[in-house]
Amino acid sequence: MVFEVEITRKADKSISGLPGDIRRRVLNAISKLPNFPDDLDIKKLHGLRGMYRVRIGDYRILISVERKKLVVINVLHRSKAYKGKR
C-alpha cells in the first residue's frame, strides 16, 4: 500500500531549523514514508491512536496515520518529542 505524505507547517519549520546533516537524514526518511512501514525504525506511540514515531538518530519524526495519508506532525529532538509538546 502506498501512502500520500503531508507535512504540516510546524513540521516544515522544525525541519528547516535542523543542522544540515540531520535535515538531509530526516528528508530522506520522509521520502521513504509513502511505502510505510519500510526499512525505517517506526514504532507506534502508546496511548495515542494512529500516532507513530520514526527514529533518526537523536531526532524523532512524529506522524499520524489517517486512512491512506501520513501526516508529518513535527520533528523534535528526543528530549522533547515525548513531553506533549507537539
Protein backbone atom coordinates (compact mmCIF):
# COMPACT_ATOMS: atom_id res chain seq x y z
CA MET A 1 0.00 0.00 0.00
CA VAL A 2 1.34 3.42 -0.95
CA PHE A 3 0.51 6.39 1.26
CA GLU A 4 0.23 10.07 0.47
CA VAL A 5 2.52 12.13 2.74
CA GLU A 6 1.58 15.57 4.05
CA ILE A 7 3.97 17.77 6.05
CA THR A 8 2.41 20.27 8.46
CA ARG A 9 3.66 23.85 8.65
CA LYS A 10 5.01 23.16 12.14
CA ALA A 11 7.00 20.15 10.90
CA ASP A 12 8.31 22.12 7.91
CA LYS A 13 9.52 24.86 10.24
CA SER A 14 11.16 22.29 12.54
CA ILE A 15 12.92 20.63 9.61
CA SER A 16 14.27 23.93 8.30
CA GLY A 17 15.80 24.66 11.72
CA LEU A 18 17.75 21.39 11.88
CA PRO A 19 21.51 21.13 11.27
CA GLY A 20 22.31 20.28 7.62
CA ASP A 21 23.30 16.62 8.06
CA ILE A 22 20.31 15.85 10.28
CA ARG A 23 17.99 17.72 7.89
CA ARG A 24 19.18 15.54 4.98
CA ARG A 25 18.61 12.36 7.01
CA VAL A 26 15.12 13.49 8.05
CA LEU A 27 14.14 14.43 4.49
CA ASN A 28 15.49 11.10 3.24
CA ALA A 29 13.34 9.26 5.82
CA ILE A 30 10.26 11.32 4.87
CA SER A 31 10.83 10.42 1.21
CA LYS A 32 10.60 6.72 2.20
CA LEU A 33 7.33 7.16 4.12
CA PRO A 34 4.94 6.51 1.18
CA ASN A 35 5.89 2.81 1.46
CA PHE A 36 5.11 2.78 5.22
CA PRO A 37 6.30 0.71 7.01
CA ASP A 38 9.56 0.37 5.15
CA ASP A 39 13.07 -0.16 6.44
CA LEU A 40 12.68 2.77 8.83
CA ASP A 41 12.68 2.48 12.62
CA ILE A 42 8.95 3.11 13.06
CA LYS A 43 7.07 2.40 16.28
CA LYS A 44 3.52 3.05 17.42
CA LEU A 45 3.17 5.55 20.26
CA HIS A 46 1.34 4.01 23.20
CA GLY A 47 -1.87 5.69 24.25
CA LEU A 48 -2.18 7.74 21.07
CA ARG A 49 -4.43 6.29 18.39
CA GLY A 50 -2.86 6.34 14.92
CA MET A 51 0.36 8.04 16.08
CA TYR A 52 3.82 6.75 15.24
CA ARG A 53 7.40 7.91 15.53
CA VAL A 54 10.33 7.46 13.19
CA ARG A 55 13.73 7.47 14.87
CA ILE A 56 16.53 9.34 13.10
CA GLY A 57 19.49 9.38 15.48
CA ASP A 58 18.55 11.67 18.38
CA TYR A 59 15.57 13.13 16.48
CA ARG A 60 12.02 11.83 16.15
CA ILE A 61 9.61 12.36 13.27
CA LEU A 62 6.09 12.26 14.72
CA ILE A 63 3.50 11.04 12.23
CA SER A 64 -0.22 10.41 12.22
CA VAL A 65 -1.83 7.75 10.03
CA GLU A 66 -5.20 8.72 8.56
CA ARG A 67 -6.56 6.15 6.12
CA LYS A 68 -4.21 6.38 3.09
CA LYS A 69 -2.49 9.54 4.29
CA LEU A 70 0.52 10.03 6.56
CA VAL A 71 0.76 13.43 8.23
CA VAL A 72 4.19 14.52 9.47
CA ILE A 73 3.21 16.45 12.58
CA ASN A 74 6.58 17.54 13.92
CA VAL A 75 10.29 16.75 14.05
CA LEU A 76 11.79 17.08 17.52
CA HIS A 77 14.87 16.13 19.49
CA ARG A 78 14.19 13.01 21.55
CA SER A 79 14.40 15.00 24.79
CA LYS A 80 11.29 16.98 23.73
CA ALA A 81 9.44 14.53 21.50
CA TYR A 82 7.51 12.67 24.19
CA LYS A 83 6.69 15.53 26.55
CA GLY A 84 3.39 16.55 24.95
CA LYS A 85 4.92 19.47 23.02
CA ARG A 86 3.52 18.56 19.64
